Protein backbone atom coordinates (compact mmCIF):
# COMPACT_ATOMS: atom_id res chain seq x y z
CA MET A 1 37.87 22.75 -5.33
CA ASP A 2 38.03 25.95 -6.75
CA ASP A 3 41.72 25.40 -8.19
CA VAL A 4 40.17 22.30 -10.25
CA TYR A 5 37.96 23.01 -13.97
CA PHE A 6 36.91 21.38 -17.05
CA PHE A 7 38.21 23.88 -19.78
CA ASP A 8 35.90 23.01 -23.00
CA SER A 9 37.94 23.65 -26.21
CA TYR A 10 36.65 26.89 -26.36
CA ALA A 11 38.91 27.58 -23.32
CA VAL A 12 41.91 26.04 -24.55
CA MET A 13 41.68 27.79 -27.83
CA GLU A 14 41.48 30.64 -26.17
CA ILE A 15 44.28 30.15 -23.83
CA ILE A 16 46.63 29.43 -26.87
CA LYS A 17 45.61 32.31 -28.95
CA GLY A 18 46.80 34.79 -25.71
CA ASN A 19 43.37 36.16 -24.36
CA PRO A 20 43.63 37.88 -21.46
CA ASN A 21 40.32 37.22 -20.12
CA TYR A 22 41.55 33.60 -19.42
CA LYS A 23 45.36 34.53 -18.03
CA GLU A 24 43.46 34.16 -14.24
CA TYR A 25 43.32 30.25 -15.23
CA LEU A 26 46.72 29.57 -16.47
CA ASP A 27 47.38 28.46 -13.17
CA LYS A 28 44.89 26.15 -12.60
CA ASN A 29 44.18 22.76 -12.23
CA VAL A 30 42.54 21.21 -16.38
CA VAL A 31 40.31 18.53 -16.54
CA LEU A 32 39.11 17.59 -20.51
CA THR A 33 38.20 14.50 -22.50
CA LYS A 34 39.74 13.38 -25.56
CA GLU A 35 37.34 14.70 -27.82
CA ASN A 36 38.36 17.94 -26.80
CA ILE A 37 41.96 16.44 -27.42
CA PHE A 38 40.33 16.13 -30.49
CA GLU A 39 39.16 19.87 -31.14
CA ILE A 40 41.93 21.27 -30.14
CA TYR A 41 44.33 19.11 -32.60
CA LEU A 42 41.99 19.96 -35.13
CA SER A 43 41.89 23.85 -34.00
CA VAL A 44 45.37 24.33 -34.16
CA LEU A 45 46.19 21.86 -36.64
CA ARG A 46 43.79 24.55 -39.09
CA GLN A 47 45.34 27.37 -37.78
CA ILE A 48 48.74 26.79 -36.73
CA ASP A 49 50.61 24.06 -37.96
CA LYS A 50 51.51 20.20 -36.59
CA LYS A 51 54.22 20.52 -34.55
CA THR A 52 52.24 23.07 -32.13
CA ALA A 53 49.34 20.43 -32.52
CA ASP A 54 52.07 17.68 -31.38
CA ASN A 55 53.35 19.33 -29.09
CA ILE A 56 49.52 21.37 -27.18
CA ALA A 57 47.94 17.44 -26.67
CA ASP A 58 50.61 15.99 -25.68
CA ASP A 59 50.45 19.06 -22.94
CA TYR A 60 46.99 18.26 -21.70
CA TYR A 61 46.48 15.08 -22.67
CA PRO A 62 47.44 14.23 -19.03
CA CYS A 63 44.41 16.51 -17.95
CA VAL A 64 42.70 13.90 -20.00
CA ILE A 65 39.69 12.04 -17.33
CA ASP A 66 37.56 9.23 -18.90
CA PHE A 67 33.66 8.96 -18.25
CA ASP A 68 31.22 6.37 -17.94
CA GLU A 69 27.81 5.31 -19.51
CA ASP A 70 25.77 7.57 -17.18
CA VAL A 71 27.41 10.41 -18.94
CA ILE A 72 27.42 9.90 -21.58
CA LYS A 73 22.80 8.83 -21.27
CA GLU A 74 23.46 12.38 -19.91
CA ALA A 75 25.03 14.18 -22.18
CA ALA A 76 22.68 12.57 -24.90
CA GLU A 77 19.66 14.35 -23.16
CA LEU A 78 21.59 17.44 -22.52
CA LYS A 79 22.19 17.58 -26.49
CA LEU A 80 18.08 16.73 -27.63
CA ARG A 81 16.24 19.13 -24.62
CA TYR A 82 18.54 21.87 -26.16
CA TYR A 83 18.52 20.96 -29.17
CA LYS A 84 17.68 24.50 -30.98
CA GLN A 85 21.39 25.48 -29.74
CA ASN A 86 23.12 22.95 -31.43
CA ILE A 87 25.54 22.68 -28.36
CA SER A 88 28.59 19.92 -29.17
CA MET A 89 28.35 16.30 -28.14
CA THR A 90 31.78 17.25 -26.99
CA ASP A 91 30.51 20.36 -25.06
CA CYS A 92 27.29 17.85 -23.61
CA ILE A 93 29.80 15.16 -22.64
CA GLY A 94 32.27 18.11 -20.74
CA TYR A 95 29.12 19.91 -19.37
CA ILE A 96 27.37 17.09 -17.86
CA LEU A 97 31.17 15.34 -16.55
CA SER A 98 32.01 18.57 -14.50
CA LEU A 99 29.01 18.90 -12.96
CA LYS A 100 29.35 15.01 -12.18
CA LEU A 101 32.66 15.93 -10.87
CA GLY A 102 31.56 19.05 -8.87
CA ILE A 103 33.82 21.53 -10.82
CA LYS A 104 33.21 24.49 -13.00
CA PHE A 105 32.69 24.21 -16.69
CA LEU A 106 34.75 27.03 -18.21
CA THR A 107 33.81 28.15 -21.17
CA GLY A 108 33.16 31.27 -23.34
CA ASP A 109 30.80 29.44 -26.01
CA LYS A 110 27.75 31.31 -26.04
CA GLU A 111 25.15 28.49 -25.64
CA PHE A 112 26.62 28.10 -22.01
CA GLU A 113 26.04 31.68 -21.12
CA GLY A 114 23.81 31.93 -18.34
CA PHE A 115 23.65 28.16 -17.25
CA GLU A 116 24.16 26.75 -14.35
CA ASN A 117 28.06 25.43 -12.91
CA VAL A 118 29.36 27.47 -15.73
CA GLU A 119 32.27 30.15 -15.61
CA PHE A 120 31.29 32.23 -18.38
CA VAL A 121 35.27 33.91 -20.17
CA LYS A 122 34.77 35.38 -23.34
């Protein structure tokens, strides 16, 4: 599953901004959650406009997958374990989901630098 990645909100926003370091990921299969869609939509609303936010949400929504109670519990445990790093709930869920799916977690969030199973790109 080398061509499938969990894109956190940071990664999607960098792609939207045209960060050349994310160019190699444009042809990858994307997985994310509804919580990521919320974060991305809000960011694009703030930084660009509603029409663009609608288009981006429509483009990424087919990549959304659901998760079960175990993911919620493990994500909460991760958030508590790394309390001082202030990792968002959305990122905790995404990271745990990526581990369960056996796919890389793509991010540039400094909190994840050095984590197992993370493809860290700035």
